[in-house]
PDB file of all heavy atoms in Angstrom:
ATOM      1  N   VAL A   1     -40.069 -64.264 -79.400  1.00  0.00           N
ATOM      2  CA  VAL A   1     -38.870 -63.968 -80.177  1.00  0.00           C
ATOM      3  C   VAL A   1     -39.253 -63.175 -81.416  1.00  0.00           C
ATOM      4  O   VAL A   1     -40.244 -63.466 -82.070  1.00  0.00           O
ATOM      5  CB  VAL A   1     -38.155 -65.279 -80.590  1.00  0.00           C
ATOM      6  CG1 VAL A   1     -36.923 -64.974 -81.418  1.00  0.00           C
ATOM      7  CG2 VAL A   1     -37.787 -66.079 -79.349  1.00  0.00           C
ATOM      8  N   GLY A   2     -38.448 -62.187 -81.719  1.00  0.00           N
ATOM      9  CA  GLY A   2     -38.663 -61.398 -82.925  1.00  0.00           C
ATOM     10  C   GLY A   2     -39.138 -60.003 -82.598  1.00  0.00           C
ATOM     11  O   GLY A   2     -39.493 -59.680 -81.469  1.00  0.00           O
ATOM     12  N   TYR A   3     -39.123 -59.162 -83.610  1.00  0.00           N
ATOM     13  CA  TYR A   3     -39.503 -57.758 -83.441  1.00  0.00           C
ATOM     14  C   TYR A   3     -40.869 -57.431 -84.024  1.00  0.00           C
ATOM     15  O   TYR A   3     -41.393 -56.365 -83.809  1.00  0.00           O
ATOM     16  CB  TYR A   3     -38.460 -56.844 -84.111  1.00  0.00           C
ATOM     17  CG  TYR A   3     -37.164 -56.829 -83.356  1.00  0.00           C
ATOM     18  CD1 TYR A   3     -36.099 -57.605 -83.767  1.00  0.00           C
ATOM     19  CD2 TYR A   3     -37.015 -56.030 -82.229  1.00  0.00           C
ATOM     20  CE1 TYR A   3     -34.905 -57.599 -83.078  1.00  0.00           C
ATOM     21  CE2 TYR A   3     -35.821 -56.017 -81.528  1.00  0.00           C
ATOM     22  CZ  TYR A   3     -34.775 -56.799 -81.960  1.00  0.00           C
ATOM     23  OH  TYR A   3     -33.604 -56.792 -81.277  1.00  0.00           O
ATOM     24  N   ARG A   4     -41.438 -58.346 -84.796  1.00  0.00           N
ATOM     25  CA  ARG A   4     -42.722 -58.036 -85.411  1.00  0.00           C
ATOM     26  C   ARG A   4     -43.808 -57.928 -84.341  1.00  0.00           C
ATOM     27  O   ARG A   4     -43.663 -58.430 -83.233  1.00  0.00           O
ATOM     28  CB  ARG A   4     -43.090 -59.067 -86.463  1.00  0.00           C
ATOM     29  CG  ARG A   4     -43.395 -60.423 -85.898  1.00  0.00           C
ATOM     30  CD  ARG A   4     -43.988 -61.296 -86.994  1.00  0.00           C
ATOM     31  NE  ARG A   4     -44.842 -62.263 -86.332  1.00  0.00           N
ATOM     32  CZ  ARG A   4     -44.701 -63.567 -86.430  1.00  0.00           C
ATOM     33  NH1 ARG A   4     -43.780 -64.072 -87.200  1.00  0.00           N
ATOM     34  NH2 ARG A   4     -45.510 -64.375 -85.785  1.00  0.00           N
ATOM     35  N   TYR A   5     -44.915 -57.305 -84.691  1.00  0.00           N
ATOM     36  CA  TYR A   5     -46.012 -57.106 -83.749  1.00  0.00           C
ATOM     37  C   TYR A   5     -46.588 -58.452 -83.316  1.00  0.00           C
ATOM     38  O   TYR A   5     -46.870 -59.296 -84.141  1.00  0.00           O
ATOM     39  CB  TYR A   5     -47.101 -56.249 -84.393  1.00  0.00           C
ATOM     40  CG  TYR A   5     -48.295 -56.045 -83.501  1.00  0.00           C
ATOM     41  CD1 TYR A   5     -48.209 -55.228 -82.382  1.00  0.00           C
ATOM     42  CD2 TYR A   5     -49.489 -56.684 -83.765  1.00  0.00           C
ATOM     43  CE1 TYR A   5     -49.289 -55.049 -81.553  1.00  0.00           C
ATOM     44  CE2 TYR A   5     -50.589 -56.514 -82.934  1.00  0.00           C
ATOM     45  CZ  TYR A   5     -50.474 -55.692 -81.834  1.00  0.00           C
ATOM     46  OH  TYR A   5     -51.552 -55.522 -81.008  1.00  0.00           O
ATOM     47  N   ASN A   6     -46.733 -58.631 -82.025  1.00  0.00           N
ATOM     48  CA  ASN A   6     -47.348 -59.815 -81.423  1.00  0.00           C
ATOM     49  C   ASN A   6     -46.718 -61.134 -81.872  1.00  0.00           C
ATOM     50  O   ASN A   6     -47.391 -62.001 -82.427  1.00  0.00           O
ATOM     51  CB  ASN A   6     -48.851 -59.823 -81.707  1.00  0.00           C
ATOM     52  CG  ASN A   6     -49.612 -60.693 -80.732  1.00  0.00           C
ATOM     53  OD1 ASN A   6     -49.075 -61.132 -79.722  1.00  0.00           O
ATOM     54  ND2 ASN A   6     -50.864 -60.956 -81.044  1.00  0.00           N
ATOM     55  N   PRO A   7     -45.425 -61.315 -81.617  1.00  0.00           N
ATOM     56  CA  PRO A   7     -44.798 -62.596 -81.989  1.00  0.00           C
ATOM     57  C   PRO A   7     -45.384 -63.751 -81.181  1.00  0.00           C
ATOM     58  O   PRO A   7     -45.897 -63.563 -80.081  1.00  0.00           O
ATOM     59  CB  PRO A   7     -43.321 -62.392 -81.652  1.00  0.00           C
ATOM     60  CG  PRO A   7     -43.246 -61.187 -80.801  1.00  0.00           C
ATOM     61  CD  PRO A   7     -44.491 -60.395 -80.992  1.00  0.00           C
ATOM     62  N   ARG A   8     -45.314 -64.945 -81.730  1.00  0.00           N
ATOM     63  CA  ARG A   8     -45.887 -66.138 -81.103  1.00  0.00           C
ATOM     64  C   ARG A   8     -45.120 -66.460 -79.809  1.00  0.00           C
ATOM     65  O   ARG A   8     -43.908 -66.586 -79.808  1.00  0.00           O
ATOM     66  CB  ARG A   8     -45.805 -67.307 -82.065  1.00  0.00           C
ATOM     67  CG  ARG A   8     -46.486 -68.565 -81.547  1.00  0.00           C
ATOM     68  CD  ARG A   8     -46.544 -69.648 -82.602  1.00  0.00           C
ATOM     69  NE  ARG A   8     -47.313 -69.271 -83.769  1.00  0.00           N
ATOM     70  CZ  ARG A   8     -48.641 -69.305 -83.849  1.00  0.00           C
ATOM     71  NH1 ARG A   8     -49.345 -69.680 -82.802  1.00  0.00           N
ATOM     72  NH2 ARG A   8     -49.261 -68.975 -84.950  1.00  0.00           N
ATOM     73  N   PRO A   9     -45.836 -66.619 -78.671  1.00  0.00           N
ATOM     74  CA  PRO A   9     -45.160 -66.980 -77.417  1.00  0.00           C
ATOM     75  C   PRO A   9     -44.748 -68.449 -77.412  1.00  0.00           C
ATOM     76  O   PRO A   9     -45.347 -69.277 -78.098  1.00  0.00           O
ATOM     77  CB  PRO A   9     -46.219 -66.718 -76.346  1.00  0.00           C
ATOM     78  CG  PRO A   9     -47.515 -66.652 -77.042  1.00  0.00           C
ATOM     79  CD  PRO A   9     -47.266 -66.375 -78.490  1.00  0.00           C
ATOM     80  N   ARG A  10     -43.717 -68.720 -76.620  1.00  0.00           N
ATOM     81  CA  ARG A  10     -43.273 -70.112 -76.470  1.00  0.00           C
ATOM     82  C   ARG A  10     -42.851 -70.342 -75.027  1.00  0.00           C
ATOM     83  O   ARG A  10     -42.383 -69.428 -74.336  1.00  0.00           O
ATOM     84  CB  ARG A  10     -42.120 -70.417 -77.418  1.00  0.00           C
ATOM     85  CG  ARG A  10     -40.845 -69.693 -77.038  1.00  0.00           C
ATOM     86  CD  ARG A  10     -39.676 -70.082 -77.905  1.00  0.00           C
ATOM     87  NE  ARG A  10     -38.473 -69.497 -77.351  1.00  0.00           N
ATOM     88  CZ  ARG A  10     -37.455 -69.127 -78.068  1.00  0.00           C
ATOM     89  NH1 ARG A  10     -37.462 -69.289 -79.365  1.00  0.00           N
ATOM     90  NH2 ARG A  10     -36.400 -68.610 -77.488  1.00  0.00           N
ATOM     91  N   LEU A  11     -43.046 -71.579 -74.567  1.00  0.00           N
ATOM     92  CA  LEU A  11     -42.595 -71.965 -73.233  1.00  0.00           C
ATOM     93  C   LEU A  11     -41.114 -72.312 -73.312  1.00  0.00           C
ATOM     94  O   LEU A  11     -40.689 -73.018 -74.228  1.00  0.00           O
ATOM     95  CB  LEU A  11     -43.399 -73.157 -72.721  1.00  0.00           C
ATOM     96  CG  LEU A  11     -44.882 -72.890 -72.475  1.00  0.00           C
ATOM     97  CD1 LEU A  11     -45.591 -74.176 -72.066  1.00  0.00           C
ATOM     98  CD2 LEU A  11     -45.078 -71.820 -71.417  1.00  0.00           C
ATOM     99  N   ASP A  12     -40.329 -71.833 -72.341  1.00  0.00           N
ATOM    100  CA  ASP A  12     -38.885 -72.022 -72.370  1.00  0.00           C
ATOM    101  C   ASP A  12     -38.393 -73.104 -71.424  1.00  0.00           C
ATOM    102  O   ASP A  12     -37.266 -73.569 -71.568  1.00  0.00           O
ATOM    103  CB  ASP A  12     -38.180 -70.702 -72.045  1.00  0.00           C
ATOM    104  CG  ASP A  12     -38.439 -69.638 -73.099  1.00  0.00           C
ATOM    105  OD1 ASP A  12     -38.650 -69.997 -74.277  1.00  0.00           O
ATOM    106  OD2 ASP A  12     -38.456 -68.447 -72.734  1.00  0.00           O
ATOM    107  N   LYS A  13     -39.202 -73.479 -70.434  1.00  0.00           N
ATOM    108  CA  LYS A  13     -38.817 -74.528 -69.491  1.00  0.00           C
ATOM    109  C   LYS A  13     -40.013 -75.423 -69.211  1.00  0.00           C
ATOM    110  O   LYS A  13     -41.161 -75.041 -69.417  1.00  0.00           O
ATOM    111  CB  LYS A  13     -38.279 -73.929 -68.190  1.00  0.00           C
ATOM    112  CG  LYS A  13     -36.938 -73.225 -68.376  1.00  0.00           C
ATOM    113  CD  LYS A  13     -36.269 -72.940 -67.061  1.00  0.00           C
ATOM    114  CE  LYS A  13     -34.920 -72.274 -67.332  1.00  0.00           C
ATOM    115  NZ  LYS A  13     -34.172 -72.079 -66.121  1.00  0.00           N
ATOM    116  N   SER A  14     -39.725 -76.576 -68.688  1.00  0.00           N
ATOM    117  CA  SER A  14     -40.774 -77.557 -68.423  1.00  0.00           C
ATOM    118  C   SER A  14     -41.617 -77.146 -67.217  1.00  0.00           C
ATOM    119  O   SER A  14     -41.243 -76.273 -66.430  1.00  0.00           O
ATOM    120  CB  SER A  14     -40.145 -78.929 -68.159  1.00  0.00           C
ATOM    121  OG  SER A  14     -39.525 -78.931 -66.878  1.00  0.00           O
ATOM    122  N   GLU A  15     -42.727 -77.837 -67.074  1.00  0.00           N
ATOM    123  CA  GLU A  15     -43.634 -77.621 -65.949  1.00  0.00           C
ATOM    124  C   GLU A  15     -42.904 -77.816 -64.618  1.00  0.00           C
ATOM    125  O   GLU A  15     -43.029 -77.010 -63.700  1.00  0.00           O
ATOM    126  CB  GLU A  15     -44.786 -78.621 -66.081  1.00  0.00           C
ATOM    127  CG  GLU A  15     -45.863 -78.520 -65.063  1.00  0.00           C
ATOM    128  CD  GLU A  15     -46.943 -79.553 -65.344  1.00  0.00           C
ATOM    129  OE1 GLU A  15     -47.692 -79.370 -66.320  1.00  0.00           O
ATOM    130  OE2 GLU A  15     -47.019 -80.545 -64.584  1.00  0.00           O
ATOM    131  N   ASN A  16     -42.115 -78.889 -64.503  1.00  0.00           N
ATOM    132  CA  ASN A  16     -41.396 -79.174 -63.253  1.00  0.00           C
ATOM    133  C   ASN A  16     -40.329 -78.136 -62.953  1.00  0.00           C
ATOM    134  O   ASN A  16     -40.086 -77.809 -61.784  1.00  0.00           O
ATOM    135  CB  ASN A  16     -40.776 -80.568 -63.303  1.00  0.00           C
ATOM    136  CG  ASN A  16     -41.835 -81.653 -63.237  1.00  0.00           C
ATOM    137  OD1 ASN A  16     -42.939 -81.422 -62.758  1.00  0.00           O
ATOM    138  ND2 ASN A  16     -41.496 -82.834 -63.736  1.00  0.00           N
ATOM    139  N   GLU A  17     -39.669 -77.613 -63.985  1.00  0.00           N
ATOM    140  CA  GLU A  17     -38.654 -76.573 -63.763  1.00  0.00           C
ATOM    141  C   GLU A  17     -39.294 -75.255 -63.318  1.00  0.00           C
ATOM    142  O   GLU A  17     -38.662 -74.459 -62.635  1.00  0.00           O
ATOM    143  CB  GLU A  17     -37.856 -76.336 -65.049  1.00  0.00           C
ATOM    144  CG  GLU A  17     -36.956 -77.484 -65.437  1.00  0.00           C
ATOM    145  CD  GLU A  17     -36.325 -77.259 -66.795  1.00  0.00           C
ATOM    146  OE1 GLU A  17     -37.068 -77.197 -67.798  1.00  0.00           O
ATOM    147  OE2 GLU A  17     -35.080 -77.125 -66.844  1.00  0.00           O
ATOM    148  N   THR A  18     -40.537 -75.062 -63.695  1.00  0.00           N
ATOM    149  CA  THR A  18     -41.244 -73.821 -63.383  1.00  0.00           C
ATOM    150  C   THR A  18     -41.786 -73.801 -61.957  1.00  0.00           C
ATOM    151  O   THR A  18     -41.862 -72.739 -61.322  1.00  0.00           O
ATOM    152  CB  THR A  18     -42.391 -73.611 -64.396  1.00  0.00           C
ATOM    153  OG1 THR A  18     -41.824 -73.551 -65.709  1.00  0.00           O
ATOM    154  CG2 THR A  18     -43.157 -72.340 -64.130  1.00  0.00           C
ATOM    155  N   VAL A  19     -42.143 -74.957 -61.422  1.00  0.00           N
ATOM    156  CA  VAL A  19     -42.813 -75.041 -60.112  1.00  0.00           C
ATOM    157  C   VAL A  19     -42.110 -74.236 -59.013  1.00  0.00           C
ATOM    158  O   VAL A  19     -42.755 -73.417 -58.342  1.00  0.00           O
ATOM    159  CB  VAL A  19     -43.030 -76.514 -59.688  1.00  0.00           C
ATOM    160  CG1 VAL A  19     -43.429 -76.618 -58.231  1.00  0.00           C
ATOM    161  CG2 VAL A  19     -44.081 -77.173 -60.573  1.00  0.00           C
ATOM    162  N   PRO A  20     -40.803 -74.392 -58.765  1.00  0.00           N
ATOM    163  CA  PRO A  20     -40.209 -73.655 -57.644  1.00  0.00           C
ATOM    164  C   PRO A  20     -40.204 -72.135 -57.848  1.00  0.00           C
ATOM    165  O   PRO A  20     -40.350 -71.378 -56.882  1.00  0.00           O
ATOM    166  CB  PRO A  20     -38.777 -74.200 -57.556  1.00  0.00           C
ATOM    167  CG  PRO A  20     -38.527 -74.909 -58.833  1.00  0.00           C
ATOM    168  CD  PRO A  20     -39.847 -75.301 -59.393  1.00  0.00           C
ATOM    169  N   CYS A  21     -40.090 -71.687 -59.071  1.00  0.00           N
ATOM    170  CA  CYS A  21     -40.064 -70.244 -59.343  1.00  0.00           C
ATOM    171  C   CYS A  21     -41.464 -69.645 -59.236  1.00  0.00           C
ATOM    172  O   CYS A  21     -41.638 -68.538 -58.727  1.00  0.00           O
ATOM    173  CB  CYS A  21     -39.453 -69.994 -60.710  1.00  0.00           C
ATOM    174  SG  CYS A  21     -37.802 -70.720 -60.829  1.00  0.00           S
ATOM    175  N   PHE A  22     -42.455 -70.388 -59.715  1.00  0.00           N
ATOM    176  CA  PHE A  22     -43.842 -69.976 -59.569  1.00  0.00           C
ATOM    177  C   PHE A  22     -44.188 -69.870 -58.081  1.00  0.00           C
ATOM    178  O   PHE A  22     -44.767 -68.891 -57.626  1.00  0.00           O
ATOM    179  CB  PHE A  22     -44.760 -70.992 -60.264  1.00  0.00           C
ATOM    180  CG  PHE A  22     -46.213 -70.631 -60.224  1.00  0.00           C
ATOM    181  CD1 PHE A  22     -46.788 -69.901 -61.249  1.00  0.00           C
ATOM    182  CD2 PHE A  22     -47.022 -71.029 -59.159  1.00  0.00           C
ATOM    183  CE1 PHE A  22     -48.134 -69.573 -61.224  1.00  0.00           C
ATOM    184  CE2 PHE A  22     -48.366 -70.707 -59.125  1.00  0.00           C
ATOM    185  CZ  PHE A  22     -48.919 -69.969 -60.153  1.00  0.00           C
ATOM    186  N   ARG A  23     -43.794 -70.892 -57.326  1.00  0.00           N
ATOM    187  CA  ARG A  23     -44.041 -70.928 -55.883  1.00  0.00           C
ATOM    188  C   ARG A  23     -43.355 -69.735 -55.198  1.00  0.00           C
ATOM    189  O   ARG A  23     -43.955 -69.071 -54.348  1.00  0.00           O
ATOM    190  CB  ARG A  23     -43.523 -72.246 -55.311  1.00  0.00           C
ATOM    191  CG  ARG A  23     -43.716 -72.397 -53.816  1.00  0.00           C
ATOM    192  CD  ARG A  23     -43.287 -73.764 -53.320  1.00  0.00           C
ATOM    193  NE  ARG A  23     -44.099 -74.822 -53.903  1.00  0.00           N
ATOM    194  CZ  ARG A  23     -45.290 -75.203 -53.436  1.00  0.00           C
ATOM    195  NH1 ARG A  23     -45.787 -74.601 -52.378  1.00  0.00           N
ATOM    196  NH2 ARG A  23     -45.963 -76.165 -54.011  1.00  0.00           N
ATOM    197  N   ALA A  24     -42.110 -69.445 -55.559  1.00  0.00           N
ATOM    198  CA  ALA A  24     -41.387 -68.318 -54.961  1.00  0.00           C
ATOM    199  C   ALA A  24     -42.110 -67.000 -55.240  1.00  0.00           C
ATOM    200  O   ALA A  24     -42.209 -66.127 -54.361  1.00  0.00           O
ATOM    201  CB  ALA A  24     -39.958 -68.265 -55.498  1.00  0.00           C
ATOM    202  N   HIS A  25     -42.620 -66.854 -56.463  1.00  0.00           N
ATOM    203  CA  HIS A  25     -43.348 -65.630 -56.815  1.00  0.00           C
ATOM    204  C   HIS A  25     -44.575 -65.445 -55.925  1.00  0.00           C
ATOM    205  O   HIS A  25     -44.765 -64.382 -55.329  1.00  0.00           O
ATOM    206  CB  HIS A  25     -43.761 -65.656 -58.287  1.00  0.00           C
ATOM    207  CG  HIS A  25     -44.645 -64.511 -58.664  1.00  0.00           C
ATOM    208  ND1 HIS A  25     -44.179 -63.213 -58.762  1.00  0.00           N
ATOM    209  CD2 HIS A  25     -45.978 -64.457 -58.930  1.00  0.00           C
ATOM    210  CE1 HIS A  25     -45.180 -62.423 -59.082  1.00  0.00           C
ATOM    211  NE2 HIS A  25     -46.289 -63.156 -59.194  1.00  0.00           N
ATOM    212  N   PHE A  26     -45.399 -66.483 -55.819  1.00  0.00           N
ATOM    213  CA  PHE A  26     -46.635 -66.326 -55.065  1.00  0.00           C
ATOM    214  C   PHE A  26     -46.427 -66.374 -53.554  1.00  0.00           C
ATOM    215  O   PHE A  26     -47.214 -65.785 -52.810  1.00  0.00           O
ATOM    216  CB  PHE A  26     -47.710 -67.303 -55.540  1.00  0.00           C
ATOM    217  CG  PHE A  26     -48.424 -66.755 -56.743  1.00  0.00           C
ATOM    218  CD1 PHE A  26     -48.194 -67.261 -57.995  1.00  0.00           C
ATOM    219  CD2 PHE A  26     -49.285 -65.681 -56.610  1.00  0.00           C
ATOM    220  CE1 PHE A  26     -48.827 -66.722 -59.105  1.00  0.00           C
ATOM    221  CE2 PHE A  26     -49.922 -65.127 -57.709  1.00  0.00           C
ATOM    222  CZ  PHE A  26     -49.691 -65.652 -58.959  1.00  0.00           C
ATOM    223  N   GLU A  27     -45.378 -66.987 -53.076  1.00  0.00           N
ATOM    224  CA  GLU A  27     -45.084 -66.903 -51.646  1.00  0.00           C
ATOM    225  C   GLU A  27     -44.751 -65.468 -51.263  1.00  0.00           C
ATOM    226  O   GLU A  27     -45.178 -64.985 -50.216  1.00  0.00           O
ATOM    227  CB  GLU A  27     -43.966 -67.870 -51.267  1.00  0.00           C
ATOM    228  CG  GLU A  27     -44.456 -69.304 -51.194  1.00  0.00           C
ATOM    229  CD  GLU A  27     -43.358 -70.329 -50.938  1.00  0.00           C
ATOM    230  OE1 GLU A  27     -42.178 -69.951 -50.804  1.00  0.00           O
ATOM    231  OE2 GLU A  27     -43.708 -71.524 -50.886  1.00  0.00           O
ATOM    232  N   GLU A  28     -44.025 -64.776 -52.122  1.00  0.00           N
ATOM    233  CA  GLU A  28     -43.710 -63.365 -51.880  1.00  0.00           C
ATOM    234  C   GLU A  28     -44.986 -62.519 -51.951  1.00  0.00           C
ATOM    235  O   GLU A  28     -45.211 -61.638 -51.115  1.00  0.00           O
ATOM    236  CB  GLU A  28     -42.675 -62.866 -52.883  1.00  0.00           C
ATOM    237  CG  GLU A  28     -42.254 -61.429 -52.689  1.00  0.00           C
ATOM    238  CD  GLU A  28     -41.451 -61.187 -51.419  1.00  0.00           C
ATOM    239  OE1 GLU A  28     -40.885 -62.138 -50.845  1.00  0.00           O
ATOM    240  OE2 GLU A  28     -41.372 -60.020 -50.989  1.00  0.00           O
ATOM    241  N   GLN A  29     -45.831 -62.786 -52.937  1.00  0.00           N
ATOM    242  CA  GLN A  29     -47.093 -62.054 -53.069  1.00  0.00           C
ATOM    243  C   GLN A  29     -47.977 -62.237 -51.833  1.00  0.00           C
ATOM    244  O   GLN A  29     -48.523 -61.274 -51.306  1.00  0.00           O
ATOM    245  CB  GLN A  29     -47.860 -62.529 -54.319  1.00  0.00           C
ATOM    246  CG  GLN A  29     -47.208 -62.173 -55.637  1.00  0.00           C
ATOM    247  CD  GLN A  29     -47.173 -60.681 -55.851  1.00  0.00           C
ATOM    248  OE1 GLN A  29     -48.200 -60.046 -56.048  1.00  0.00           O
ATOM    249  NE2 GLN A  29     -45.996 -60.112 -55.782  1.00  0.00           N
ATOM    250  N   LEU A  30     -48.102 -63.478 -51.398  1.00  0.00           N
ATOM    251  CA  LEU A  30     -48.960 -63.760 -50.242  1.00  0.00           C
ATOM    252  C   LEU A  30     -48.362 -63.234 -48.945  1.00  0.00           C
ATOM    253  O   LEU A  30     -49.098 -62.852 -48.029  1.00  0.00           O
ATOM    254  CB  LEU A  30     -49.260 -65.254 -50.161  1.00  0.00           C
ATOM    255  CG  LEU A  30     -50.106 -65.795 -51.323  1.00  0.00           C
ATOM    256  CD1 LEU A  30     -50.194 -67.308 -51.269  1.00  0.00           C
ATOM    257  CD2 LEU A  30     -51.480 -65.160 -51.342  1.00  0.00           C
ATOM    258  N   LYS A  31     -47.050 -63.182 -48.856  1.00  0.00           N
ATOM    259  CA  LYS A  31     -46.403 -62.584 -47.678  1.00  0.00           C
ATOM    260  C   LYS A  31     -46.737 -61.090 -47.611  1.00  0.00           C
ATOM    261  O   LYS A  31     -47.047 -60.565 -46.551  1.00  0.00           O
ATOM    262  CB  LYS A  31     -44.887 -62.792 -47.752  1.00  0.00           C
ATOM    263  CG  LYS A  31     -44.136 -62.218 -46.557  1.00  0.00           C
ATOM    264  CD  LYS A  31     -42.654 -62.462 -46.677  1.00  0.00           C
ATOM    265  CE  LYS A  31     -42.078 -61.274 -47.412  1.00  0.00           C
ATOM    266  NZ  LYS A  31     -40.644 -61.259 -47.556  1.00  0.00           N
ATOM    267  N   ASN A  32     -46.738 -60.427 -48.767  1.00  0.00           N
ATOM    268  CA  ASN A  32     -47.001 -58.989 -48.810  1.00  0.00           C
ATOM    269  C   ASN A  32     -48.485 -58.637 -48.735  1.00  0.00           C
ATOM    270  O   ASN A  32     -48.857 -57.640 -48.130  1.00  0.00           O
ATOM    271  CB  ASN A  32     -46.424 -58.373 -50.091  1.00  0.00           C
ATOM    272  CG  ASN A  32     -44.920 -58.357 -50.079  1.00  0.00           C
ATOM    273  OD1 ASN A  32     -44.298 -58.340 -49.026  1.00  0.00           O
ATOM    274  ND2 ASN A  32     -44.327 -58.384 -51.250  1.00  0.00           N
ATOM    275  N   TYR A  33     -49.342 -59.438 -49.374  1.00  0.00           N
ATOM    276  CA  TYR A  33     -50.740 -59.048 -49.544  1.00  0.00           C
ATOM    277  C   TYR A  33     -51.749 -60.016 -48.920  1.00  0.00           C
ATOM    278  O   TYR A  33     -52.939 -59.797 -49.026  1.00  0.00           O
ATOM    279  CB  TYR A  33     -51.056 -58.880 -51.032  1.00  0.00           C
ATOM    280  CG  TYR A  33     -50.090 -57.956 -51.722  1.00  0.00           C
ATOM    281  CD1 TYR A  33     -49.174 -58.443 -52.645  1.00  0.00           C
ATOM    282  CD2 TYR A  33     -50.059 -56.606 -51.422  1.00  0.00           C
ATOM    283  CE1 TYR A  33     -48.271 -57.598 -53.266  1.00  0.00           C
ATOM    284  CE2 TYR A  33     -49.167 -55.757 -52.036  1.00  0.00           C
ATOM    285  CZ  TYR A  33     -48.271 -56.262 -52.964  1.00  0.00           C
ATOM    286  OH  TYR A  33     -47.376 -55.424 -53.570  1.00  0.00           O
ATOM    287  N   LYS A  34     -51.307 -61.087 -48.328  1.00  0.00           N
ATOM    288  CA  LYS A  34     -52.125 -62.084 -47.619  1.00  0.00           C
ATOM    289  C   LYS A  34     -53.004 -62.925 -48.543  1.00  0.00           C
ATOM    290  O   LYS A  34     -52.934 -64.120 -48.530  1.00  0.00           O
ATOM    291  CB  LYS A  34     -52.996 -61.450 -46.530  1.00  0.00           C
ATOM    292  CG  LYS A  34     -52.254 -60.571 -45.563  1.00  0.00           C
ATOM    293  CD  LYS A  34     -51.137 -61.300 -44.868  1.00  0.00           C
ATOM    294  CE  LYS A  34     -50.404 -60.369 -43.909  1.00  0.00           C
ATOM    295  NZ  LYS A  34     -48.982 -60.379 -44.080  1.00  0.00           N
TER     296      LYS A  34
END
């Protein structure tokens, strides 16, 4: 958040909320690139 150079990153969702989206990302990657 913010416009200054290199603003501090923050996590927006919990680990459990991230799991299905992370999985969807890498399932697509592995489907395309093995």
